[in-house]
C-alpha atoms as a PDB file:
ATOM      1  CA  MET A   1    -125.889   6.915-189.568  1.00  0.00           C
ATOM      2  CA  ASN A   2    -125.819   7.588-185.900  1.00  0.00           C
ATOM      3  CA  VAL A   3    -124.605  10.865-184.823  1.00  0.00           C
ATOM      4  CA  THR A   4    -123.673  12.276-181.627  1.00  0.00           C
ATOM      5  CA  PHE A   5    -122.764  15.602-179.919  1.00  0.00           C
ATOM      6  CA  GLU A   6    -120.924  16.371-176.974  1.00  0.00           C
ATOM      7  CA  TYR A   7    -120.028  19.844-175.854  1.00  0.00           C
ATOM      8  CA  ASN A   8    -117.313  21.152-173.325  1.00  0.00           C
ATOM      9  CA  GLY A   9    -117.132  24.478-172.212  1.00  0.00           C
ATOM     10  CA  VAL A  10    -119.817  25.580-175.157  1.00  0.00           C
ATOM     11  CA  LYS A  11    -123.639  25.679-174.465  1.00  0.00           C
ATOM     12  CA  ALA A  12    -125.246  23.342-177.597  1.00  0.00           C
ATOM     13  CA  SER A  13    -125.653  25.167-180.805  1.00  0.00           C
ATOM     14  CA  ASP A  14    -129.401  24.062-183.119  1.00  0.00           C
ATOM     15  CA  THR A  15    -127.804  25.950-185.710  1.00  0.00           C
ATOM     16  CA  LEU A  16    -124.227  24.569-185.516  1.00  0.00           C
ATOM     17  CA  GLU A  17    -125.978  21.245-185.195  1.00  0.00           C
ATOM     18  CA  SER A  18    -128.000  21.250-188.190  1.00  0.00           C
ATOM     19  CA  LYS A  19    -124.945  22.416-190.084  1.00  0.00           C
ATOM     20  CA  ILE A  20    -123.039  19.764-188.904  1.00  0.00           C
ATOM     21  CA  MET A  21    -125.679  17.347-189.794  1.00  0.00           C
ATOM     22  CA  GLU A  22    -126.005  18.769-193.034  1.00  0.00           C
ATOM     23  CA  LYS A  23    -122.065  18.355-193.751  1.00  0.00           C
ATOM     24  CA  LEU A  24    -122.127  14.421-192.360  1.00  0.00           C
ATOM     25  CA  ASN A  25    -125.235  13.955-194.336  1.00  0.00           C
ATOM     26  CA  LYS A  26    -123.854  14.948-197.904  1.00  0.00           C
ATOM     27  CA  LEU A  27    -120.447  12.579-196.582  1.00  0.00           C
ATOM     28  CA  HIS A  28    -122.503   9.780-195.594  1.00  0.00           C
ATOM     29  CA  SER A  29    -124.335   9.867-199.115  1.00  0.00           C
ATOM     30  CA  LYS A  30    -120.829   9.718-200.880  1.00  0.00           C
ATOM     31  CA  TYR A  31    -119.671   7.368-198.343  1.00  0.00           C
ATOM     32  CA  ASP A  32    -122.411   4.919-197.450  1.00  0.00           C
ATOM     33  CA  PHE A  33    -120.150   2.917-195.538  1.00  0.00           C
ATOM     34  CA  ILE A  34    -119.748   5.597-192.458  1.00  0.00           C
ATOM     35  CA  VAL A  35    -121.584   4.014-189.480  1.00  0.00           C
ATOM     36  CA  GLN A  36    -121.805   6.509-187.046  1.00  0.00           C
ATOM     37  CA  ALA A  37    -120.006   9.904-185.918  1.00  0.00           C
ATOM     38  CA  HIS A  38    -119.229  11.738-182.769  1.00  0.00           C
ATOM     39  CA  VAL A  39    -118.527  15.591-182.775  1.00  0.00           C
ATOM     40  CA  PHE A  40    -116.339  16.950-179.871  1.00  0.00           C
ATOM     41  CA  LEU A  41    -116.848  20.971-179.569  1.00  0.00           C
ATOM     42  CA  LYS A  42    -114.438  22.616-177.255  1.00  0.00           C
ATOM     43  CA  THR A  43    -113.528  26.139-176.244  1.00  0.00           C
ATOM     44  CA  ASP A  44    -110.138  26.295-175.457  1.00  0.00           C
ATOM     45  CA  ARG A  45    -108.785  29.458-173.648  1.00  0.00           C
ATOM     46  CA  THR A  46    -105.076  30.019-175.477  1.00  0.00           C
ATOM     47  CA  HIS A  47    -103.700  33.369-176.157  1.00  0.00           C
ATOM     48  CA  ASN A  48    -103.696  33.028-179.710  1.00  0.00           C
ATOM     49  CA  PRO A  49    -106.501  34.960-181.237  1.00  0.00           C
ATOM     50  CA  ASN A  50    -106.988  32.599-183.930  1.00  0.00           C
ATOM     51  CA  THR A  51    -107.477  29.601-182.347  1.00  0.00           C
ATOM     52  CA  GLY A  52    -109.591  28.494-179.439  1.00  0.00           C
ATOM     53  CA  LYS A  53    -112.233  26.857-181.118  1.00  0.00           C
ATOM     54  CA  ILE A  54    -112.105  23.049-181.608  1.00  0.00           C
ATOM     55  CA  CYS A  55    -114.204  20.648-183.315  1.00  0.00           C
ATOM     56  CA  LYS A  56    -113.157  16.818-183.355  1.00  0.00           C
ATOM     57  CA  ILE A  57    -114.534  14.823-185.376  1.00  0.00           C
ATOM     58  CA  LYS A  58    -114.381  10.859-185.091  1.00  0.00           C
ATOM     59  CA  LEU A  59    -116.160   8.635-187.487  1.00  0.00           C
ATOM     60  CA  SER A  60    -116.803   4.705-187.245  1.00  0.00           C
ATOM     61  CA  VAL A  61    -115.939   2.757-190.541  1.00  0.00           C
ATOM     62  CA  PRO A  62    -115.322  -0.423-191.558  1.00  0.00           C
ATOM     63  CA  GLY A  63    -111.654  -0.912-190.095  1.00  0.00           C
ATOM     64  CA  PRO A  64    -110.391   1.690-188.118  1.00  0.00           C
ATOM     65  CA  GLN A  65    -112.217   4.774-187.007  1.00  0.00           C
ATOM     66  CA  LEU A  66    -111.198   8.205-189.266  1.00  0.00           C
ATOM     67  CA  PHE A  67    -110.332  10.964-186.929  1.00  0.00           C
ATOM     68  CA  ALA A  68    -110.272  15.013-187.727  1.00  0.00           C
ATOM     69  CA  GLU A  69    -109.589  17.953-185.459  1.00  0.00           C
ATOM     70  CA  ALA A  70    -109.540  21.578-186.334  1.00  0.00           C
ATOM     71  CA  SER A  71    -108.616  24.655-183.917  1.00  0.00           C
ATOM     72  CA  GLU A  72    -110.005  28.349-185.413  1.00  0.00           C
ATOM     73  CA  HIS A  73    -111.307  31.418-183.874  1.00  0.00           C
ATOM     74  CA  ASP A  74    -114.915  30.000-185.093  1.00  0.00           C
ATOM     75  CA  PHE A  75    -116.501  26.671-185.145  1.00  0.00           C
ATOM     76  CA  ASP A  76    -117.828  27.234-188.479  1.00  0.00           C
ATOM     77  CA  ARG A  77    -114.436  27.370-189.815  1.00  0.00           C
ATOM     78  CA  ALA A  78    -113.189  24.630-187.571  1.00  0.00           C
ATOM     79  CA  MET A  79    -115.916  22.562-188.593  1.00  0.00           C
ATOM     80  CA  HIS A  80    -115.348  22.955-192.241  1.00  0.00           C
ATOM     81  CA  LYS A  81    -111.599  21.923-192.118  1.00  0.00           C
ATOM     82  CA  CYS A  82    -112.406  18.993-190.372  1.00  0.00           C
ATOM     83  CA  MET A  83    -114.908  18.120-192.957  1.00  0.00           C
ATOM     84  CA  HIS A  84    -112.287  18.572-195.699  1.00  0.00           C
ATOM     85  CA  GLU A  85    -110.233  16.169-193.734  1.00  0.00           C
ATOM     86  CA  LEU A  86    -112.739  13.317-193.311  1.00  0.00           C
ATOM     87  CA  ASP A  87    -113.644  13.335-196.834  1.00  0.00           C
ATOM     88  CA  THR A  88    -109.967  12.859-198.127  1.00  0.00           C
ATOM     89  CA  GLN A  89    -109.561  10.072-195.540  1.00  0.00           C
ATOM     90  CA  LEU A  90    -112.870   8.893-196.513  1.00  0.00           C
ATOM     91  CA  ALA A  91    -112.170   8.888-200.162  1.00  0.00           C
ATOM     92  CA  LYS A  92    -108.570   7.208-199.525  1.00  0.00           C
ATOM     93  CA  LYS A  93    -110.453   4.523-198.036  1.00  0.00           C
ATOM     94  CA  LYS A  94    -113.504   4.277-200.523  1.00  0.00           C
ATOM     95  CA  GLN A  95    -110.049   3.715-202.798  1.00  0.00           C
ATOM     96  CA  LYS A  96    -108.244   0.791-200.820  1.00  0.00           C
ATOM     97  CA  MET A  97    -112.000  -1.182-200.183  1.00  0.00           C
ATOM     98  CA  ARG A  98    -112.468  -1.068-204.079  1.00  0.00           C
ATOM     99  CA  SER A  99    -108.885  -2.499-204.738  1.00  0.00           C
ATOM    100  CA  HIS A 100    -109.952  -5.247-202.309  1.00  0.00           C
END
Protein backbone atom coordinates (compact mmCIF):
# COMPACT_ATOMS: atom_id res chain seq x y z
CA MET A 1 0.00 0.00 0.00
CA ASN A 2 1.33 3.39 -1.00
CA VAL A 3 0.90 6.18 1.59
CA THR A 4 1.32 9.90 0.87
CA PHE A 5 1.46 12.58 3.57
CA GLU A 6 0.59 16.21 2.95
CA TYR A 7 1.05 18.97 5.53
CA ASN A 8 -0.60 22.39 5.57
CA GLY A 9 0.56 24.74 8.33
CA VAL A 10 2.13 21.84 10.23
CA LYS A 11 5.72 20.67 10.50
CA ALA A 12 6.32 17.12 9.30
CA SER A 13 6.48 14.71 12.22
CA ASP A 14 8.14 11.30 12.01
CA THR A 15 6.39 10.22 15.21
CA LEU A 16 2.95 11.11 13.92
CA GLU A 17 3.66 9.55 10.54
CA SER A 18 4.77 6.30 12.18
CA LYS A 19 1.59 6.19 14.31
CA ILE A 20 -0.57 6.77 11.25
CA MET A 21 1.39 4.18 9.25
CA GLU A 22 0.92 1.64 12.06
CA LYS A 23 -2.86 2.20 12.05
CA LEU A 24 -3.05 2.13 8.26
CA ASN A 25 -1.06 -1.11 8.15
CA LYS A 26 -3.53 -2.66 10.61
CA LEU A 27 -6.39 -1.59 8.35
CA HIS A 28 -4.54 -2.94 5.31
CA SER A 29 -3.97 -6.31 6.97
CA LYS A 30 -7.67 -6.47 7.80
CA TYR A 31 -8.82 -5.14 4.41
CA ASP A 32 -6.27 -6.19 1.81
CA PHE A 33 -8.09 -4.42 -1.04
CA ILE A 34 -6.78 -0.98 0.04
CA VAL A 35 -4.51 0.26 -2.74
CA GLN A 36 -3.37 3.69 -1.58
CA ALA A 37 -3.80 6.17 1.26
CA HIS A 38 -3.48 9.95 1.15
CA VAL A 39 -3.18 11.64 4.55
CA PHE A 40 -3.71 15.39 5.00
CA LEU A 41 -2.68 17.08 8.25
CA LYS A 42 -3.66 20.68 8.74
CA THR A 43 -3.85 23.28 11.48
CA ASP A 44 -6.87 25.53 11.40
CA ARG A 45 -6.92 28.59 13.63
CA THR A 46 -10.35 28.62 15.19
CA HIS A 47 -11.78 30.20 18.29
CA ASN A 48 -12.85 26.80 19.61
CA PRO A 49 -10.04 25.28 21.75
CA ASN A 50 -11.40 21.74 21.20
CA THR A 51 -10.73 21.82 17.46
CA GLY A 52 -8.07 23.08 15.12
CA LYS A 53 -5.96 20.00 14.36
CA ILE A 54 -7.46 18.45 11.25
CA CYS A 55 -6.73 14.98 9.92
CA LYS A 56 -8.16 13.89 6.57
CA ILE A 57 -7.55 10.45 5.10
CA LYS A 58 -8.56 9.33 1.63
CA LEU A 59 -8.30 5.64 0.74
CA SER A 60 -8.16 4.28 -2.78
CA VAL A 61 -10.10 1.04 -2.98
CA PRO A 62 -11.96 -0.71 -5.80
CA GLY A 63 -14.93 1.50 -6.65
CA PRO A 64 -15.41 4.93 -5.08
CA GLN A 65 -12.72 6.28 -2.76
CA LEU A 66 -13.34 6.30 0.97
CA PHE A 67 -12.80 9.48 2.98
CA ALA A 68 -12.79 10.47 6.64
CA GLU A 69 -12.11 13.81 8.31
CA ALA A 70 -11.85 14.83 11.95
CA SER A 71 -10.96 18.02 13.80
CA GLU A 72 -9.78 17.79 17.40
CA HIS A 73 -7.47 19.60 19.79
CA ASP A 74 -4.59 17.24 18.90
CA PHE A 75 -3.65 15.15 15.88
CA ASP A 76 -3.71 11.82 17.76
CA ARG A 77 -7.41 12.15 18.57
CA ALA A 78 -8.22 13.36 15.07
CA MET A 79 -6.31 10.43 13.58
CA HIS A 80 -8.10 7.93 15.82
CA LYS A 81 -11.50 9.32 14.81
CA CYS A 82 -10.56 9.05 11.13
CA MET A 83 -9.33 5.48 11.53
CA HIS A 84 -12.52 4.47 13.33
CA GLU A 85 -14.68 6.00 10.59
CA LEU A 86 -12.60 4.35 7.86
CA ASP A 87 -12.80 0.98 9.62
CA THR A 88 -16.60 1.28 9.59
CA GLN A 89 -16.65 2.26 5.91
CA LEU A 90 -14.25 -0.56 4.99
CA ALA A 91 -16.35 -3.14 6.84
CA LYS A 92 -19.42 -2.04 4.86
CA LYS A 93 -17.41 -2.13 1.62
CA LYS A 94 -16.13 -5.63 2.35
CA GLN A 95 -19.65 -6.84 3.07
CA LYS A 96 -20.88 -5.43 -0.25
CA MET A 97 -17.95 -7.03 -2.08
CA ARG A 98 -18.81 -10.44 -0.58
CA SER A 99 -22.41 -10.22 -1.72
CA HIS A 100 -21.39 -9.72 -5.37
